[in-house]
Protein backbone atom coordinates (compact mmCIF):
# COMPACT_ATOMS: atom_id res chain seq x y z
CA MET A 1 -6.61 5.37 -10.21
CA ARG A 2 -5.69 8.27 -7.64
CA GLY A 3 -1.87 8.26 -8.67
CA CYS A 4 -1.16 4.17 -7.88
CA ARG A 5 2.17 3.41 -8.81
CA CYS A 6 1.50 -0.66 -8.60
CA LEU A 7 -1.12 -2.25 -10.09
CA GLU A 8 -2.29 -6.02 -10.20
CA ILE A 9 -3.61 -7.53 -13.13
CA ASP A 10 -5.20 -11.17 -12.94
CA CYS A 11 -4.80 -12.53 -16.23
CA TRP A 12 -6.41 -15.67 -17.65
CA ASP A 13 -6.45 -17.66 -20.71
CA GLY A 14 -9.20 -16.32 -23.10
CA ASP A 15 -10.69 -17.40 -26.49
CA GLU A 16 -8.87 -17.18 -29.78
CA ASP A 17 -5.34 -17.26 -27.85
CA GLU A 18 -6.04 -14.02 -26.57
CA PRO A 19 -5.83 -13.64 -22.59
CA VAL A 20 -8.03 -11.62 -20.72
CA VAL A 21 -8.40 -9.93 -17.60
CA TYR A 22 -10.91 -10.80 -14.41
CA HIS A 23 -10.85 -11.60 -11.16
CA GLY A 24 -10.85 -15.15 -11.16
CA HIS A 25 -13.74 -17.72 -9.82
CA THR A 26 -15.95 -14.78 -9.98
CA LEU A 27 -18.84 -13.05 -11.73
CA THR A 28 -16.82 -10.18 -12.81
CA SER A 29 -16.84 -9.19 -16.32
CA LYS A 30 -13.71 -10.00 -18.77
CA LEU A 31 -11.60 -7.55 -20.36
CA LEU A 32 -8.96 -8.30 -23.09
CA PHE A 33 -5.37 -7.97 -21.96
CA ARG A 34 -4.48 -5.41 -24.82
CA THR A 35 -7.61 -3.45 -23.76
CA VAL A 36 -6.31 -3.23 -20.17
CA ILE A 37 -3.01 -2.49 -21.31
CA SER A 38 -3.72 -0.03 -23.84
CA VAL A 39 -5.76 2.03 -21.11
CA ILE A 40 -2.78 1.67 -18.98
CA GLY A 41 -0.55 2.83 -21.39
CA HIS A 42 -2.73 6.19 -21.96
CA TYR A 43 -3.21 6.89 -18.55
CA ALA A 44 -0.14 5.33 -16.71
CA PHE A 45 1.83 9.02 -16.42
CA GLN A 46 -0.91 11.53 -16.07
CA ALA A 47 -0.93 11.65 -12.30
CA SER A 48 2.71 10.92 -11.77
CA PRO A 49 5.64 10.49 -14.02
CA TYR A 50 7.53 8.21 -11.93
CA PRO A 51 7.58 4.54 -12.47
CA LEU A 52 4.52 2.23 -12.70
CA ILE A 53 4.53 -1.08 -11.84
CA LEU A 54 2.25 -4.06 -13.50
CA SER A 55 1.77 -6.62 -11.07
CA LEU A 56 0.90 -9.71 -13.26
CA GLU A 57 -1.33 -12.62 -11.68
CA ASN A 58 -0.66 -15.02 -14.77
CA HIS A 59 -2.80 -18.18 -14.68
CA CYS A 60 -2.44 -18.34 -18.87
CA SER A 61 -0.63 -20.97 -20.65
CA PRO A 62 2.73 -20.28 -22.26
CA ARG A 63 1.38 -20.10 -25.55
CA GLN A 64 -0.63 -16.91 -24.51
CA GLN A 65 1.92 -15.69 -21.91
CA GLU A 66 3.64 -15.03 -25.14
CA VAL A 67 1.05 -13.32 -26.49
CA MET A 68 1.13 -11.02 -23.24
CA ALA A 69 4.33 -10.45 -23.71
CA LYS A 70 3.92 -9.13 -27.63
CA HIS A 71 1.19 -6.80 -26.29
CA LEU A 72 3.20 -5.26 -23.49
CA THR A 73 5.96 -4.60 -26.10
CA SER A 74 4.09 -3.47 -28.98
CA ILE A 75 1.49 -1.45 -27.24
CA LEU A 76 3.61 0.20 -24.44
CA GLY A 77 6.71 0.92 -26.53
CA GLU A 78 9.80 2.60 -25.30
CA ARG A 79 7.98 3.01 -21.80
CA LEU A 80 8.41 -0.29 -21.03
CA LEU A 81 11.64 -1.08 -19.33
CA THR A 82 13.07 -4.13 -21.05
CA THR A 83 16.93 -3.71 -19.91
CA THR A 84 18.87 -2.73 -16.76
CA VAL A 85 19.80 0.57 -16.04
CA PRO A 86 23.81 0.79 -16.72
CA GLU A 87 24.08 3.49 -13.93
CA SER A 88 22.60 1.24 -11.45
CA GLY A 89 25.06 -1.06 -9.29
CA SER A 90 24.61 -4.42 -8.28
CA ARG A 91 23.80 -3.87 -4.49
CA PHE A 92 20.76 -1.20 -4.90
CA LEU A 93 18.19 -0.96 -6.97
CA PRO A 94 17.77 2.30 -9.28
CA SER A 95 15.78 5.21 -7.61
CA PRO A 96 12.08 6.26 -8.92
CA GLU A 97 13.88 9.21 -10.21
CA THR A 98 16.27 6.93 -12.77
CA LEU A 99 12.92 5.22 -13.81
CA ILE A 100 11.03 8.21 -14.65
CA GLY A 101 8.26 7.32 -17.55
CA LYS A 102 8.82 4.10 -17.29
CA ILE A 103 6.99 0.79 -16.84
CA LEU A 104 7.98 -2.21 -15.07
CA VAL A 105 6.64 -5.97 -14.84
CA LYS A 106 6.48 -7.65 -11.62
CA HIS A 107 6.26 -11.67 -12.24
CA LYS A 108 8.11 -14.84 -11.93
CA LYS A 109 11.57 -15.06 -13.92
CA VAL A 110 13.18 -17.85 -15.17
CA GLY A 111 16.74 -17.49 -13.47
CA PRO A 112 20.07 -19.38 -12.94
CA THR A 113 18.72 -21.16 -10.15
CA GLN A 114 15.63 -22.40 -11.96
CA SER A 115 15.57 -24.84 -14.60
CA SER A 116 14.77 -23.72 -18.31
CA ALA A 117 14.85 -25.55 -21.40
CA PRO A 118 13.31 -24.85 -24.94
CA SER A 119 9.98 -25.89 -26.27
CA THR A 120 8.22 -26.64 -29.43
CA PRO A 121 7.01 -23.95 -30.70
CA SER A 122 8.01 -21.71 -28.22
CA GLN A 123 10.37 -21.21 -25.56
CA VAL A 124 9.54 -22.25 -22.17
CA GLY A 125 11.02 -22.08 -18.57
CA GLU A 126 9.86 -24.12 -15.33
CA CYS A 127 9.93 -22.19 -12.46
CA VAL A 128 9.76 -24.38 -9.68
CA GLU A 129 7.87 -23.51 -6.10
CA GLN A 130 8.19 -25.15 -2.85
CA ALA A 131 4.31 -25.81 -2.05
CA LYS A 132 3.49 -26.09 1.60
CA ASN A 133 0.51 -27.91 3.85
CA THR A 134 -1.11 -24.48 4.28
CA LYS A 135 -3.63 -22.00 2.01
CA LYS A 136 -1.07 -19.60 0.88
CA ILE A 137 -0.21 -16.78 3.41
CA LYS A 138 -3.98 -16.64 5.27
CA PHE A 139 -2.83 -19.57 7.08
CA TYR A 140 0.19 -17.14 8.71
CA LEU A 141 -2.37 -14.74 9.40
CA LYS A 142 -3.73 -16.94 12.29
CA ILE A 143 -0.82 -17.55 13.91
CA ARG A 144 -0.70 -15.99 17.29
CA ARG A 145 1.14 -18.34 19.53
CA LYS A 146 3.98 -19.59 17.65
CA ILE A 147 6.14 -19.51 14.90
CA ALA A 148 6.50 -22.87 12.93
CA GLU A 149 8.53 -23.87 10.26
CA PRO A 150 6.42 -25.04 7.33
CA LYS A 151 6.56 -28.36 6.26
CA ILE A 152 6.83 -29.02 2.41
CA THR A 153 4.69 -31.73 1.07
CA GLN A 154 5.37 -31.34 -2.53
CA VAL A 155 7.23 -29.42 -5.49
CA GLN A 156 5.19 -27.51 -7.99
CA LYS A 157 6.79 -26.41 -11.62
CA THR A 158 5.15 -23.64 -13.52
CA GLU A 159 5.83 -23.08 -16.92
CA LEU A 160 6.81 -19.52 -18.20
CA ALA A 161 7.01 -18.36 -21.45
CA MET A 162 10.86 -17.12 -21.54
CA ALA A 163 9.47 -13.64 -23.76
CA LEU A 164 7.26 -12.47 -20.61
CA SER A 165 10.00 -14.02 -18.22
CA ASP A 166 12.65 -11.60 -20.14
CA LEU A 167 10.65 -8.41 -19.42
CA VAL A 168 10.82 -8.90 -15.52
CA ILE A 169 14.06 -6.80 -14.86
CA TYR A 170 13.96 -5.56 -11.37
CA THR A 171 10.51 -6.49 -9.73
CA GLN A 172 10.80 -10.36 -9.71
CA SER A 173 8.12 -12.23 -7.81
CA LYS A 174 9.28 -14.08 -4.83
CA LYS A 175 6.96 -16.81 -3.04
CA PHE A 176 7.44 -16.80 0.45
CA ILE A 177 9.18 -20.12 1.64
CA SER A 178 9.49 -19.93 5.45
CA PHE A 179 10.90 -17.99 8.27
CA GLN A 180 14.71 -19.58 7.86
CA HIS A 181 14.69 -19.02 4.50
CA SER A 182 14.04 -15.49 4.43
CA ARG A 183 16.80 -14.97 7.35
CA GLU A 184 19.31 -16.79 5.01
CA HIS A 185 18.63 -14.73 1.92
CA GLN A 186 17.61 -11.44 2.73
CA LYS A 187 20.35 -9.16 3.46
CA PHE A 188 18.74 -6.68 5.17
CA TYR A 189 17.24 -9.15 7.85
CA GLU A 190 20.51 -10.84 8.23
CA ASN A 191 21.99 -7.75 9.41
CA ASN A 192 18.86 -6.96 11.88
CA SER A 193 18.21 -10.37 13.06
CA LEU A 194 15.66 -10.91 15.96
CA SER A 195 16.19 -13.47 18.76
CA GLU A 196 14.17 -16.33 18.61
CA GLN A 197 12.27 -14.90 22.06
CA GLU A 198 11.90 -11.61 20.22
CA ALA A 199 10.59 -13.43 17.21
CA LYS A 200 7.92 -15.44 18.88
CA LYS A 201 6.99 -12.12 20.96
CA LEU A 202 6.74 -10.26 17.80
CA SER A 203 4.45 -12.99 16.41
CA ARG A 204 1.99 -13.25 19.27
CA HIS A 205 1.32 -9.76 18.63
CA SER A 206 0.64 -9.71 14.77
CA ALA A 207 1.88 -12.74 12.49
CA GLN A 208 1.08 -10.26 9.45
CA GLU A 209 4.09 -7.98 10.62
CA PHE A 210 6.42 -10.48 11.36
CA ILE A 211 5.95 -11.98 7.88
CA GLN A 212 6.46 -8.76 6.05
CA HIS A 213 9.27 -8.06 8.46
CA THR A 214 11.00 -10.86 6.98
CA ARG A 215 10.35 -11.13 3.29
CA ASN A 216 9.85 -7.30 2.39
CA PHE A 217 13.03 -5.04 3.55
CA ILE A 218 14.03 -4.83 -0.47
CA THR A 219 13.91 -1.21 -1.37
CA ARG A 220 14.39 2.48 0.47
CA ILE A 221 11.12 3.97 -0.86
CA TYR A 222 7.33 3.00 -0.15
CA PRO A 223 5.51 2.83 -3.65
CA LYS A 224 1.90 3.58 -3.63
CA GLY A 225 0.09 0.04 -4.67
CA SER A 226 -3.41 -1.34 -4.62
CA ARG A 227 -5.13 -4.81 -4.41
CA THR A 228 -8.39 -5.95 -6.28
CA ASP A 229 -9.97 -8.24 -3.88
CA SER A 230 -13.08 -7.35 -1.55
CA SER A 231 -11.01 -6.46 1.77
CA ASN A 232 -8.83 -3.90 2.97
CA PHE A 233 -6.58 -4.30 5.97
CA LEU A 234 -4.86 -1.15 7.62
CA PRO A 235 -1.50 -0.30 5.75
CA GLN A 236 -0.02 1.58 8.75
CA GLU A 237 0.74 -1.92 10.30
CA PHE A 238 3.34 -2.81 7.52
CA TRP A 239 4.53 1.16 6.61
CA ASN A 240 5.64 0.45 10.41
CA VAL A 241 8.11 -2.03 9.71
CA GLY A 242 9.27 -0.68 6.51
CA CYS A 243 7.45 -2.68 3.89
CA GLN A 244 7.49 -1.14 0.28
CA MET A 245 4.54 -2.19 -1.31
CA VAL A 246 1.12 -2.66 0.40
CA ALA A 247 -1.47 -3.62 -1.59
CA LEU A 248 -5.09 -2.63 -1.07
CA ASN A 249 -8.51 -2.46 -2.73
CA PHE A 250 -8.93 1.02 -4.28
CA GLN A 251 -12.84 0.00 -4.92
CA THR A 252 -13.41 0.07 -0.80
CA PRO A 253 -13.60 3.10 0.61
CA GLY A 254 -12.77 3.33 4.36
CA VAL A 255 -10.00 4.35 6.97
CA ALA A 256 -7.59 2.27 4.83
CA MET A 257 -8.22 3.92 1.90
CA ASP A 258 -8.28 7.37 3.61
CA LEU A 259 -4.70 6.40 5.19
CA GLN A 260 -3.38 5.38 1.64
CA ASP A 261 -4.18 8.83 0.29
CA GLY A 262 -2.77 10.51 2.87
CA ARG A 263 0.50 8.58 3.27
CA PHE A 264 1.32 9.68 -0.44
CA LEU A 265 -0.45 13.02 -0.47
CA ASP A 266 3.64 14.55 0.03
CA ASN A 267 5.69 15.58 -2.35
CA GLY A 268 3.09 16.44 -5.19
CA ARG A 269 1.56 12.99 -4.83
CA CYS A 270 4.03 11.62 -7.16
CA GLY A 271 3.27 8.10 -5.66
CA TYR A 272 6.38 7.12 -3.96
CA VAL A 273 7.73 8.43 -0.55
CA LEU A 274 11.41 8.19 1.01
CA LYS A 275 10.89 6.27 3.99
CA PRO A 276 12.60 7.26 7.62
CA GLU A 277 16.06 6.92 8.13
CA TYR A 278 15.88 4.13 10.83
CA LEU A 279 14.05 2.35 7.58
CA ARG A 280 16.75 2.84 5.04
CA THR A 281 19.91 2.00 7.16
CA GLU A 282 20.40 -1.67 7.11
CA GLY A 283 22.22 -1.53 10.37
CA GLY A 284 19.12 0.14 12.37
CA ARG A 285 17.05 -1.75 15.17
CA PHE A 286 13.91 0.32 14.93
CA HIS A 287 11.03 -1.56 16.41
CA PRO A 288 7.60 -0.05 15.96
CA HIS A 289 6.30 -1.95 19.34
CA ALA A 290 8.91 -0.47 21.40
CA GLN A 291 7.97 1.58 24.43
CA ARG A 292 10.35 4.11 23.58
CA HIS A 293 12.33 5.20 20.31
CA ARG A 294 15.48 7.01 19.56
CA THR A 295 13.31 9.48 17.93
CA ARG A 296 12.63 13.06 18.50
CA PRO A 297 9.16 13.21 19.77
CA MET A 298 6.32 15.93 18.37
CA PHE A 299 4.38 17.66 21.15
CA PHE A 300 1.33 19.92 19.34
CA THR A 301 -1.80 21.21 20.05
CA ILE A 302 -4.76 21.59 17.40
CA LYS A 303 -7.44 23.93 18.24
CA VAL A 304 -10.77 23.24 16.40
CA ILE A 305 -12.41 26.66 15.58
CA SER A 306 -15.24 25.97 13.47
CA GLY A 307 -16.42 24.95 10.26
CA PHE A 308 -18.21 26.40 6.87
CA LEU A 309 -20.67 24.94 4.77
CA LEU A 310 -20.65 21.09 6.39
CA PRO A 311 -22.45 18.60 4.70
CA HIS A 312 -26.05 17.05 6.40
CA ARG A 313 -26.27 13.43 7.37
CA SER A 314 -27.15 11.28 4.10
CA PHE A 315 -31.34 11.09 4.93
CA SER A 316 -31.40 14.21 6.73
CA LYS A 317 -33.56 17.30 4.31
CA THR A 318 -33.40 19.68 7.44
CA ASN A 319 -30.53 21.33 9.43
CA THR A 320 -30.85 18.98 12.48
CA THR A 321 -27.42 17.94 12.94
CA SER A 322 -24.86 17.27 15.66
CA LEU A 323 -21.72 17.73 14.49
CA ILE A 324 -18.47 16.36 16.18
CA VAL A 325 -15.05 16.64 14.76
CA THR A 326 -12.50 13.90 15.88
CA VAL A 327 -8.68 13.97 15.09
CA GLU A 328 -7.17 10.61 14.98
CA ILE A 329 -3.45 9.47 14.82
CA TYR A 330 -2.07 6.25 13.18
CA GLY A 331 1.40 5.46 13.60
CA THR A 332 3.35 3.01 15.77
CA PRO A 333 0.93 1.41 18.43
CA ALA A 334 2.03 3.77 21.10
CA ASP A 335 1.19 6.83 19.23
CA GLU A 336 -2.28 6.20 17.95
CA GLY A 337 -5.15 7.64 19.60
CA ARG A 338 -7.84 9.96 18.79
CA LYS A 339 -9.60 12.95 20.45
CA GLN A 340 -12.70 14.60 19.80
CA THR A 341 -14.92 18.04 20.39
CA TYR A 342 -17.83 18.15 21.66
CA GLU A 343 -21.07 18.16 20.02
CA VAL A 344 -22.74 21.32 17.97
CA LYS A 345 -26.62 21.03 17.41
CA ASN A 346 -28.48 21.98 14.26
CA ASN A 347 -25.96 24.25 12.76
CA ALA A 348 -24.10 22.94 9.58
CA PHE A 349 -23.71 26.26 7.95
CA ASN A 350 -20.80 27.84 10.49
CA PRO A 351 -20.62 25.75 13.83
CA GLN A 352 -18.52 27.00 16.44
CA TRP A 353 -16.35 24.69 18.51
CA ALA A 354 -13.24 26.41 19.77
CA GLN A 355 -11.82 23.37 21.47
CA SER A 356 -7.98 22.36 21.90
CA LEU A 357 -6.89 18.80 21.64
CA THR A 358 -3.27 18.03 22.41
CA PHE A 359 -1.11 15.27 21.40
CA SER A 360 2.38 13.79 22.12
CA VAL A 361 3.95 11.50 19.05
CA GLN A 362 7.05 9.48 19.56
CA VAL A 363 7.75 8.62 15.82
CA PRO A 364 6.11 11.81 14.07
CA GLU A 365 7.59 10.66 10.57
CA LEU A 366 5.69 7.72 10.34
CA ALA A 367 2.44 9.31 11.82
CA LEU A 368 -0.47 10.23 10.22
CA LEU A 369 -3.37 12.82 11.11
CA ARG A 370 -6.76 12.12 10.28
CA PHE A 371 -9.67 14.70 10.61
CA CYS A 372 -13.14 13.59 10.86
CA LEU A 373 -16.48 14.85 10.53
CA GLU A 374 -19.43 12.79 11.90
CA ASP A 375 -23.18 13.56 12.57
CA ARG A 376 -24.15 11.95 15.49
CA SER A 377 -27.69 10.76 15.96
CA PRO A 378 -30.14 10.70 19.24
CA LEU A 379 -29.86 6.99 18.82
CA GLY A 380 -25.81 6.89 19.38
CA SER A 381 -24.81 6.04 15.90
CA SER A 382 -22.55 7.97 13.93
CA GLU A 383 -22.22 9.01 10.17
CA LEU A 384 -18.86 9.92 8.23
CA LEU A 385 -20.02 13.27 6.73
CA GLY A 386 -16.33 14.17 5.85
CA GLN A 387 -12.77 13.38 6.14
CA TYR A 388 -8.87 14.73 5.48
CA THR A 389 -6.00 12.65 6.10
CA LEU A 390 -2.25 13.99 5.92
CA PRO A 391 1.27 12.88 7.00
CA LEU A 392 2.02 14.61 10.62
CA THR A 393 5.25 15.76 9.24
CA SER A 394 3.42 18.11 6.63
CA LEU A 395 1.19 19.86 9.59
CA GLY A 396 2.19 23.62 9.29
CA LYS A 397 1.77 25.90 11.92
CA GLY A 398 -0.71 28.41 12.28
CA TYR A 399 -4.29 28.77 11.05
CA ARG A 400 -5.41 26.66 8.28
CA HIS A 401 -8.33 25.63 6.65
CA VAL A 402 -8.91 21.92 6.32
CA PRO A 403 -10.78 20.80 3.01
CA LEU A 404 -13.34 17.58 3.44
CA LEU A 405 -13.18 14.79 1.17
CA ASN A 406 -16.07 12.32 1.47
CA LYS A 407 -15.38 8.48 1.87
CA HIS A 408 -14.42 8.09 -1.73
CA GLY A 409 -11.81 10.73 -1.62
CA GLN A 410 -13.78 13.21 -3.72
CA SER A 411 -13.63 17.15 -2.77
CA LEU A 412 -16.63 18.18 -0.76
CA ALA A 413 -15.51 22.14 -1.18
CA PRO A 414 -16.66 24.47 -0.16
CA ALA A 415 -16.80 22.67 2.75
CA CYS A 416 -13.98 22.91 5.33
CA LEU A 417 -12.64 23.07 9.26
CA TYR A 418 -10.95 26.24 10.39
CA VAL A 419 -8.32 24.95 12.89
CA HIS A 420 -5.11 26.37 14.53
CA VAL A 421 -1.89 24.55 15.03
CA TRP A 422 0.80 25.04 17.25
CA TYR A 423 4.23 23.23 18.19
CA PRO A 424 7.66 24.34 19.34
């Protein structure tokens, strides 16, 4: 999974009291839950030793939830985190360094504010949720004009097996209720409250960002996450406001996955990246949509010199190419942009551009740099031949070879770009 540190598992009741995993209400194949956990246990720490989070999307009955808990404990053994870390305080969560080699379960939990009672033959608790007159979070993605508090239409009670609930230690799932609820219950948001006018302005620009802004300031690091539906959104918008877990479908190639790989390219691809200080400080007031920021801007020039053994367009059997290199910046809205070289025709072996592209970035800590090699057809269409994405703060000075990856993130070696980087 390319170093993924948070994996969602869609669990359903199966035959003979064995839970199964599949994408619900689709024609995808069903796998036994115990088989999935066995595979995860085998490969969990091959890409990174840092903690892995299993986000359980649970549609199972209490009886099969107990089976899930049994498989988790028996298969994962000591790798499964079942108790809190003694050294960690009550205010902050333990660091990834403290949890090296551990697997965490992310799920709902029966707690003091939720009713719980034993039943026969197993112990089951009720998790009470407030249901809204919307279709989950998707409703809010359409809000562009105003922020309205959702009206509560009914109360839903979900039975949870205590055996599974007890495995949830630090990563408890919380359902979004309302902006007011988030404002009252999330300490980081209380210390950085927005005025009503600011909130409405932010909602008009992006309802997605405001929702995430009010509910996701929990930890101080970004863990690398994945999702399993068929679409992807750009994770950069959510990283800009400090969201610590942005779900993506690893099966869908594109810019979103390129950014995902680039963001976690740093520190040995361990799957966790420390947020900038202004997103870790509770008293900070960083706003990604501001025109100016209290950060030190970065001015740099990339001279695209040449390429070596570059790939061809998929349907081309000859060397008839029209190659363009595009350099893109993803970050805060004020920093985003792209510049490109001129075309070099009929030379994929060693094309020469020798063209300088200059950029100015106000918030370099959040910015990602993406190199794209495209082949432009005479009809004006373009095909992506290769790309490489990296954090801007990882960009070194001097002459550099930029390796190229295909749209699936696989190496195209020995294909590469030869560039020169300069900044003060």
